[in-house]
C-alpha atoms as a PDB file:
ATOM      1  CA  MET A   1      79.950 -82.618  46.807  1.00  0.00           C
ATOM      2  CA  THR A   2      79.362 -85.310  49.419  1.00  0.00           C
ATOM      3  CA  GLN A   3      75.667 -85.694  50.131  1.00  0.00           C
ATOM      4  CA  THR A   4      74.502 -86.011  53.703  1.00  0.00           C
ATOM      5  CA  GLY A   5      71.219 -87.031  55.203  1.00  0.00           C
ATOM      6  CA  THR A   6      69.660 -85.798  58.435  1.00  0.00           C
ATOM      7  CA  GLY A   7      71.254 -87.629  61.335  1.00  0.00           C
ATOM      8  CA  ALA A   8      73.147 -89.962  58.991  1.00  0.00           C
ATOM      9  CA  ALA A   9      76.750 -90.384  57.954  1.00  0.00           C
ATOM     10  CA  ALA A  10      77.883 -88.796  54.711  1.00  0.00           C
ATOM     11  CA  GLN A  11      76.933 -90.825  51.663  1.00  0.00           C
ATOM     12  CA  PRO A  12      79.127 -91.143  48.552  1.00  0.00           C
ATOM     13  CA  ASN A  13      77.985 -89.460  45.379  1.00  0.00           C
ATOM     14  CA  SER A  14      76.097 -91.477  42.786  1.00  0.00           C
ATOM     15  CA  PHE A  15      77.269 -91.754  39.178  1.00  0.00           C
ATOM     16  CA  ARG A  16      74.398 -89.434  38.184  1.00  0.00           C
ATOM     17  CA  THR A  17      75.619 -86.733  40.564  1.00  0.00           C
ATOM     18  CA  ILE A  18      79.154 -87.068  39.193  1.00  0.00           C
ATOM     19  CA  LYS A  19      77.907 -87.006  35.601  1.00  0.00           C
ATOM     20  CA  THR A  20      75.917 -83.822  36.313  1.00  0.00           C
ATOM     21  CA  GLU A  21      78.928 -82.137  37.945  1.00  0.00           C
ATOM     22  CA  ILE A  22      81.204 -82.998  35.016  1.00  0.00           C
ATOM     23  CA  LEU A  23      78.632 -81.548  32.604  1.00  0.00           C
ATOM     24  CA  ARG A  24      78.433 -78.420  34.759  1.00  0.00           C
ATOM     25  CA  ARG A  25      82.210 -77.973  34.601  1.00  0.00           C
ATOM     26  CA  ILE A  26      82.107 -78.341  30.815  1.00  0.00           C
ATOM     27  CA  ARG A  27      79.218 -75.887  30.576  1.00  0.00           C
ATOM     28  CA  ASP A  28      80.996 -73.337  32.786  1.00  0.00           C
ATOM     29  CA  ARG A  29      84.290 -73.833  30.885  1.00  0.00           C
ATOM     30  CA  VAL A  30      86.096 -75.065  33.990  1.00  0.00           C
ATOM     31  CA  TRP A  31      87.295 -77.810  31.639  1.00  0.00           C
ATOM     32  CA  GLN A  32      87.872 -76.679  28.052  1.00  0.00           C
ATOM     33  CA  PRO A  33      87.320 -78.690  24.830  1.00  0.00           C
ATOM     34  CA  GLY A  34      90.337 -80.936  24.268  1.00  0.00           C
ATOM     35  CA  GLU A  35      91.495 -80.713  27.882  1.00  0.00           C
ATOM     36  CA  LEU A  36      92.640 -83.842  29.713  1.00  0.00           C
ATOM     37  CA  ILE A  37      90.640 -84.115  32.947  1.00  0.00           C
ATOM     38  CA  PRO A  38      91.745 -85.737  36.232  1.00  0.00           C
ATOM     39  CA  GLY A  39      91.958 -89.526  36.289  1.00  0.00           C
ATOM     40  CA  GLU A  40      89.377 -91.855  37.760  1.00  0.00           C
ATOM     41  CA  GLU A  41      91.289 -92.317  41.029  1.00  0.00           C
ATOM     42  CA  ASP A  42      91.607 -88.561  41.545  1.00  0.00           C
ATOM     43  CA  LEU A  43      87.921 -88.007  40.772  1.00  0.00           C
ATOM     44  CA  ALA A  44      86.908 -90.861  43.069  1.00  0.00           C
ATOM     45  CA  ARG A  45      88.803 -89.217  45.933  1.00  0.00           C
ATOM     46  CA  GLU A  46      87.274 -85.821  45.147  1.00  0.00           C
ATOM     47  CA  PHE A  47      83.719 -87.141  45.012  1.00  0.00           C
ATOM     48  CA  GLY A  48      84.143 -89.575  47.905  1.00  0.00           C
ATOM     49  CA  CYS A  49      83.056 -92.642  45.951  1.00  0.00           C
ATOM     50  CA  ALA A  50      84.360 -95.857  44.438  1.00  0.00           C
ATOM     51  CA  ARG A  51      86.389 -95.686  41.229  1.00  0.00           C
ATOM     52  CA  VAL A  52      83.782 -97.874  39.496  1.00  0.00           C
ATOM     53  CA  THR A  53      81.182 -95.136  40.110  1.00  0.00           C
ATOM     54  CA  VAL A  54      83.347 -92.550  38.358  1.00  0.00           C
ATOM     55  CA  ASN A  55      84.004 -95.048  35.571  1.00  0.00           C
ATOM     56  CA  ARG A  56      80.267 -95.454  34.921  1.00  0.00           C
ATOM     57  CA  ALA A  57      79.700 -91.691  34.793  1.00  0.00           C
ATOM     58  CA  LEU A  58      82.563 -91.246  32.312  1.00  0.00           C
ATOM     59  CA  ARG A  59      81.423 -94.193  30.182  1.00  0.00           C
ATOM     60  CA  GLU A  60      77.948 -92.686  29.826  1.00  0.00           C
ATOM     61  CA  LEU A  61      79.434 -89.320  28.861  1.00  0.00           C
ATOM     62  CA  ALA A  62      81.698 -91.052  26.334  1.00  0.00           C
ATOM     63  CA  ASP A  63      78.686 -92.894  24.860  1.00  0.00           C
ATOM     64  CA  ILE A  64      77.028 -89.577  23.971  1.00  0.00           C
ATOM     65  CA  GLY A  65      80.241 -87.967  22.737  1.00  0.00           C
ATOM     66  CA  ILE A  66      80.854 -85.450  25.519  1.00  0.00           C
ATOM     67  CA  VAL A  67      84.237 -86.947  26.455  1.00  0.00           C
ATOM     68  CA  GLU A  68      86.778 -89.127  24.667  1.00  0.00           C
ATOM     69  CA  ARG A  69      88.522 -91.951  26.517  1.00  0.00           C
ATOM     70  CA  LYS A  70      91.772 -93.652  25.525  1.00  0.00           C
ATOM     71  CA  ARG A  71      93.542 -96.373  27.417  1.00  0.00           C
ATOM     72  CA  ARG A  72      96.825 -95.257  28.996  1.00  0.00           C
ATOM     73  CA  VAL A  73      96.062 -91.671  27.970  1.00  0.00           C
ATOM     74  CA  GLY A  74      92.987 -90.737  29.973  1.00  0.00           C
ATOM     75  CA  THR A  75      89.780 -88.802  29.408  1.00  0.00           C
ATOM     76  CA  ARG A  76      89.529 -85.583  27.399  1.00  0.00           C
ATOM     77  CA  ILE A  77      86.655 -83.205  26.818  1.00  0.00           C
ATOM     78  CA  ALA A  78      85.620 -83.765  23.208  1.00  0.00           C
ATOM     79  CA  GLU A  79      86.855 -81.117  20.740  1.00  0.00           C
ATOM     80  CA  HIS A  80      83.830 -81.654  18.480  1.00  0.00           C
ATOM     81  CA  PRO A  81      81.120 -83.262  20.592  1.00  0.00           C
ATOM     82  CA  LEU A  82      79.205 -85.993  18.794  1.00  0.00           C
ATOM     83  CA  ARG A  83      75.793 -87.151  19.902  1.00  0.00           C
ATOM     84  CA  GLU A  84      74.119 -90.517  19.879  1.00  0.00           C
ATOM     85  CA  ALA A  85      71.457 -90.921  17.173  1.00  0.00           C
ATOM     86  CA  ARG A  86      68.529 -89.723  19.307  1.00  0.00           C
ATOM     87  CA  LEU A  87      70.381 -86.468  20.050  1.00  0.00           C
ATOM     88  CA  GLU A  88      72.093 -85.869  16.722  1.00  0.00           C
ATOM     89  CA  ILE A  89      71.893 -82.410  15.175  1.00  0.00           C
ATOM     90  CA  PRO A  90      72.606 -82.402  11.441  1.00  0.00           C
ATOM     91  CA  VAL A  91      75.069 -79.967   9.919  1.00  0.00           C
ATOM     92  CA  VAL A  92      73.265 -78.199   7.077  1.00  0.00           C
ATOM     93  CA  ARG A  93      76.353 -78.198   4.862  1.00  0.00           C
ATOM     94  CA  THR A  94      76.735 -81.972   5.252  1.00  0.00           C
ATOM     95  CA  GLU A  95      73.037 -82.484   4.618  1.00  0.00           C
ATOM     96  CA  VAL A  96      73.146 -80.516   1.362  1.00  0.00           C
ATOM     97  CA  GLU A  97      76.393 -82.079   0.116  1.00  0.00           C
ATOM     98  CA  ALA A  98      75.066 -85.580   0.865  1.00  0.00           C
ATOM     99  CA  ARG A  99      72.405 -84.902  -1.758  1.00  0.00           C
ATOM    100  CA  GLY A 100      75.090 -84.126  -4.332  1.00  0.00           C
ATOM    101  CA  ALA A 101      74.435 -80.385  -4.289  1.00  0.00           C
ATOM    102  CA  GLN A 102      76.846 -77.466  -3.879  1.00  0.00           C
ATOM    103  CA  TYR A 103      76.455 -75.710  -0.541  1.00  0.00           C
ATOM    104  CA  ARG A 104      76.828 -72.088   0.469  1.00  0.00           C
ATOM    105  CA  PHE A 105      75.273 -69.840   3.078  1.00  0.00           C
ATOM    106  CA  SER A 106      74.744 -66.144   3.652  1.00  0.00           C
ATOM    107  CA  VAL A 107      74.454 -64.303   6.973  1.00  0.00           C
ATOM    108  CA  LEU A 108      71.534 -61.897   6.646  1.00  0.00           C
ATOM    109  CA  SER A 109      71.916 -60.258  10.054  1.00  0.00           C
ATOM    110  CA  ARG A 110      73.921 -60.671  13.260  1.00  0.00           C
ATOM    111  CA  ASP A 111      73.042 -58.691  16.391  1.00  0.00           C
ATOM    112  CA  GLU A 112      73.989 -58.910  20.074  1.00  0.00           C
ATOM    113  CA  VAL A 113      70.958 -57.737  22.034  1.00  0.00           C
ATOM    114  CA  GLU A 114      69.127 -58.192  25.318  1.00  0.00           C
ATOM    115  CA  VAL A 115      66.727 -61.115  25.153  1.00  0.00           C
ATOM    116  CA  PRO A 116      63.316 -59.870  23.951  1.00  0.00           C
ATOM    117  CA  GLU A 117      60.516 -60.238  26.470  1.00  0.00           C
ATOM    118  CA  THR A 118      58.570 -62.379  23.989  1.00  0.00           C
ATOM    119  CA  LEU A 119      61.383 -64.964  24.004  1.00  0.00           C
ATOM    120  CA  ARG A 120      62.582 -64.707  27.592  1.00  0.00           C
ATOM    121  CA  ALA A 121      60.217 -67.320  29.013  1.00  0.00           C
ATOM    122  CA  ARG A 122      60.850 -69.740  26.132  1.00  0.00           C
ATOM    123  CA  LEU A 123      64.616 -69.428  26.605  1.00  0.00           C
ATOM    124  CA  GLU A 124      64.255 -69.451  30.413  1.00  0.00           C
ATOM    125  CA  LEU A 125      66.557 -66.438  30.745  1.00  0.00           C
ATOM    126  CA  PRO A 126      66.538 -63.529  33.219  1.00  0.00           C
ATOM    127  CA  PRO A 127      65.552 -60.013  32.095  1.00  0.00           C
ATOM    128  CA  GLY A 128      68.325 -58.273  30.187  1.00  0.00           C
ATOM    129  CA  ALA A 129      70.280 -61.466  29.453  1.00  0.00           C
ATOM    130  CA  PRO A 130      72.598 -61.010  26.435  1.00  0.00           C
ATOM    131  CA  VAL A 131      71.771 -63.085  23.362  1.00  0.00           C
ATOM    132  CA  LEU A 132      73.073 -63.324  19.818  1.00  0.00           C
ATOM    133  CA  HIS A 133      70.408 -63.143  17.107  1.00  0.00           C
ATOM    134  CA  VAL A 134      71.541 -64.517  13.754  1.00  0.00           C
ATOM    135  CA  ARG A 135      69.535 -64.913  10.543  1.00  0.00           C
ATOM    136  CA  CYS A 136      71.011 -67.024   7.732  1.00  0.00           C
ATOM    137  CA  LEU A 137      69.984 -68.347   4.355  1.00  0.00           C
ATOM    138  CA  HIS A 138      71.386 -71.706   3.259  1.00  0.00           C
ATOM    139  CA  PHE A 139      71.570 -72.709  -0.419  1.00  0.00           C
ATOM    140  CA  ALA A 140      71.754 -75.947  -2.401  1.00  0.00           C
ATOM    141  CA  ASP A 141      73.023 -75.370  -5.968  1.00  0.00           C
ATOM    142  CA  ASN A 142      72.228 -71.668  -5.480  1.00  0.00           C
ATOM    143  CA  ARG A 143      68.589 -72.409  -4.656  1.00  0.00           C
ATOM    144  CA  PRO A 144      67.272 -71.465  -1.200  1.00  0.00           C
ATOM    145  CA  TRP A 145      67.365 -74.558   1.003  1.00  0.00           C
ATOM    146  CA  GLN A 146      66.746 -73.266   4.526  1.00  0.00           C
ATOM    147  CA  PHE A 147      65.974 -69.958   6.201  1.00  0.00           C
ATOM    148  CA  GLU A 148      67.458 -69.991   9.720  1.00  0.00           C
ATOM    149  CA  ASP A 149      66.378 -67.618  12.494  1.00  0.00           C
ATOM    150  CA  ARG A 150      68.474 -68.357  15.602  1.00  0.00           C
ATOM    151  CA  TRP A 151      68.820 -67.020  19.151  1.00  0.00           C
ATOM    152  CA  ILE A 152      71.933 -67.997  21.160  1.00  0.00           C
ATOM    153  CA  ASN A 153      72.440 -67.581  24.911  1.00  0.00           C
ATOM    154  CA  LEU A 154      75.812 -65.847  25.214  1.00  0.00           C
ATOM    155  CA  ALA A 155      76.201 -66.898  28.844  1.00  0.00           C
ATOM    156  CA  ALA A 156      76.187 -70.534  27.694  1.00  0.00           C
ATOM    157  CA  VAL A 157      78.572 -70.127  24.739  1.00  0.00           C
ATOM    158  CA  PRO A 158      80.508 -66.856  25.192  1.00  0.00           C
ATOM    159  CA  ASP A 159      83.105 -67.856  22.571  1.00  0.00           C
ATOM    160  CA  ILE A 160      80.522 -67.497  19.816  1.00  0.00           C
ATOM    161  CA  ALA A 161      80.422 -63.720  20.334  1.00  0.00           C
ATOM    162  CA  GLY A 162      83.715 -63.384  18.467  1.00  0.00           C
ATOM    163  CA  GLN A 163      82.645 -65.455  15.471  1.00  0.00           C
ATOM    164  CA  SER A 164      82.088 -63.654  12.173  1.00  0.00           C
ATOM    165  CA  PHE A 165      80.483 -66.689  10.465  1.00  0.00           C
ATOM    166  CA  GLU A 166      82.294 -65.877   7.249  1.00  0.00           C
ATOM    167  CA  THR A 167      83.268 -69.486   6.536  1.00  0.00           C
ATOM    168  CA  VAL A 168      81.388 -71.554   9.133  1.00  0.00           C
ATOM    169  CA  SER A 169      77.660 -71.195   9.746  1.00  0.00           C
ATOM    170  CA  PRO A 170      76.199 -70.804  13.261  1.00  0.00           C
ATOM    171  CA  ASN A 171      74.675 -74.277  12.892  1.00  0.00           C
ATOM    172  CA  GLU A 172      78.030 -75.894  12.157  1.00  0.00           C
ATOM    173  CA  TRP A 173      79.906 -73.895  14.803  1.00  0.00           C
ATOM    174  CA  LEU A 174      77.456 -74.905  17.524  1.00  0.00           C
ATOM    175  CA  VAL A 175      77.511 -78.585  16.542  1.00  0.00           C
ATOM    176  CA  ARG A 176      81.315 -78.511  16.791  1.00  0.00           C
ATOM    177  CA  ASN A 177      81.690 -76.427  19.934  1.00  0.00           C
ATOM    178  CA  ALA A 178      78.583 -76.451  22.124  1.00  0.00           C
ATOM    179  CA  PRO A 179      77.908 -79.780  23.860  1.00  0.00           C
ATOM    180  CA  PHE A 180      74.348 -80.237  25.088  1.00  0.00           C
ATOM    181  CA  SER A 181      72.523 -82.664  27.317  1.00  0.00           C
ATOM    182  CA  GLU A 182      68.920 -82.076  26.237  1.00  0.00           C
ATOM    183  CA  MET A 183      67.195 -81.232  22.979  1.00  0.00           C
ATOM    184  CA  GLU A 184      63.608 -80.402  21.993  1.00  0.00           C
ATOM    185  CA  ASN A 185      62.415 -80.633  18.376  1.00  0.00           C
ATOM    186  CA  ASP A 186      59.090 -79.343  17.053  1.00  0.00           C
ATOM    187  CA  LEU A 187      58.288 -80.292  13.436  1.00  0.00           C
ATOM    188  CA  SER A 188      55.331 -78.744  11.631  1.00  0.00           C
ATOM    189  CA  ALA A 189      53.848 -77.627   8.345  1.00  0.00           C
ATOM    190  CA  ALA A 190      52.947 -73.957   8.046  1.00  0.00           C
ATOM    191  CA  GLY A 191      52.174 -71.193   5.593  1.00  0.00           C
ATOM    192  CA  ALA A 192      55.147 -69.015   4.669  1.00  0.00           C
ATOM    193  CA  THR A 193      55.235 -65.598   6.297  1.00  0.00           C
ATOM    194  CA  THR A 194      56.054 -62.563   4.168  1.00  0.00           C
ATOM    195  CA  GLU A 195      59.720 -62.703   5.212  1.00  0.00           C
ATOM    196  CA  GLU A 196      59.998 -66.478   4.774  1.00  0.00           C
ATOM    197  CA  ALA A 197      58.399 -66.303   1.345  1.00  0.00           C
ATOM    198  CA  GLU A 198      60.870 -63.636   0.252  1.00  0.00           C
ATOM    199  CA  MET A 199      63.859 -65.617   1.559  1.00  0.00           C
ATOM    200  CA  LEU A 200      62.794 -68.947   0.031  1.00  0.00           C
ATOM    201  CA  GLY A 201      61.467 -67.641  -3.282  1.00  0.00           C
ATOM    202  CA  VAL A 202      57.887 -68.798  -2.705  1.00  0.00           C
ATOM    203  CA  SER A 203      54.581 -66.992  -2.321  1.00  0.00           C
ATOM    204  CA  ARG A 204      53.225 -65.790   1.000  1.00  0.00           C
ATOM    205  CA  GLY A 205      51.077 -68.510   2.509  1.00  0.00           C
ATOM    206  CA  ASP A 206      52.672 -71.309   0.465  1.00  0.00           C
ATOM    207  CA  PRO A 207      53.296 -74.480   2.495  1.00  0.00           C
ATOM    208  CA  VAL A 208      56.695 -74.725   4.160  1.00  0.00           C
ATOM    209  CA  PHE A 209      58.323 -77.297   6.452  1.00  0.00           C
ATOM    210  CA  VAL A 210      59.341 -75.854   9.830  1.00  0.00           C
ATOM    211  CA  ILE A 211      61.742 -77.229  12.439  1.00  0.00           C
ATOM    212  CA  GLU A 212      62.001 -75.454  15.780  1.00  0.00           C
ATOM    213  CA  ARG A 213      64.815 -76.738  17.981  1.00  0.00           C
ATOM    214  CA  ALA A 214      66.010 -75.819  21.459  1.00  0.00           C
ATOM    215  CA  THR A 215      69.032 -77.252  23.282  1.00  0.00           C
ATOM    216  CA  TRP A 216      70.243 -77.133  26.879  1.00  0.00           C
ATOM    217  CA  LEU A 217      73.318 -78.147  28.850  1.00  0.00           C
ATOM    218  CA  LEU A 218      71.871 -79.211  32.189  1.00  0.00           C
ATOM    219  CA  ASP A 219      69.495 -76.356  33.111  1.00  0.00           C
ATOM    220  CA  GLN A 220      71.175 -73.716  30.937  1.00  0.00           C
ATOM    221  CA  PRO A 221      69.626 -72.982  27.516  1.00  0.00           C
ATOM    222  CA  ILE A 222      72.064 -72.825  24.595  1.00  0.00           C
ATOM    223  CA  THR A 223      70.071 -71.965  21.490  1.00  0.00           C
ATOM    224  CA  LEU A 224      66.583 -71.667  20.065  1.00  0.00           C
ATOM    225  CA  VAL A 225      66.289 -71.812  16.288  1.00  0.00           C
ATOM    226  CA  ARG A 226      63.498 -71.782  13.712  1.00  0.00           C
ATOM    227  CA  MET A 227      64.480 -73.413  10.397  1.00  0.00           C
ATOM    228  CA  VAL A 228      62.135 -73.067   7.445  1.00  0.00           C
ATOM    229  CA  HIS A 229      62.357 -75.144   4.253  1.00  0.00           C
ATOM    230  CA  PRO A 230      60.397 -75.105   0.985  1.00  0.00           C
ATOM    231  CA  SER A 231      57.681 -77.775   0.825  1.00  0.00           C
ATOM    232  CA  SER A 232      59.947 -79.928  -1.383  1.00  0.00           C
ATOM    233  CA  TYR A 233      62.246 -80.585   1.605  1.00  0.00           C
ATOM    234  CA  ARG A 234      62.466 -84.169   2.817  1.00  0.00           C
ATOM    235  CA  MET A 235      63.811 -85.020   6.261  1.00  0.00           C
ATOM    236  CA  ILE A 236      65.774 -88.284   6.413  1.00  0.00           C
ATOM    237  CA  SER A 237      66.831 -89.937   9.671  1.00  0.00           C
ATOM    238  CA  ARG A 238      68.920 -93.063  10.071  1.00  0.00           C
ATOM    239  CA  VAL A 239      69.228 -94.816  13.437  1.00  0.00           C
END
């Protein structure tokens, strides 16, 4: 990974280059969740840089919850990646229970298909790429709380293909197991479609609160989800 310039001696890698390569190895499952990765001295030799450069890259990854660092133990890939506040994705179950309500969810459909042409550009996937399409309904005290319509790039998270989602929702599984480096949120008010109205127990055209979220690890898309709530929903963020 040593970078070279035209007519110049090889230059050591920057901490950003090292950070990107570590994220790539996590994304491609070269290093698995919970795995202890090589030490700073070994990485410094591999990347042809000073140990302090590797240290900075690992510190930044630790700050956003991608890796866990312990003195005299080393650096591990996080089992359940946590994100700093600006990148935090809430777990629906936790959100409902924090309001003192009883949570449950139901999987309405689960299909492995080729990415539809209408979504291919949005997901930045090649033609025929395999995706998992999951539709869920989340409840608070047996009242519809959120209708979730989610597309998942199976090349990014192949382990999710074997999940039945009987006890853990797609939302919670992804928060636990799919680290990401970029997130896009789109919040809006809309009128309920026929399907959304049926799922949420409202009338077609009634106001609903919509969150559309996409996540990536480096340049690889992970998931695109549309989450629809009744108009009574209130979004609370704490930083």
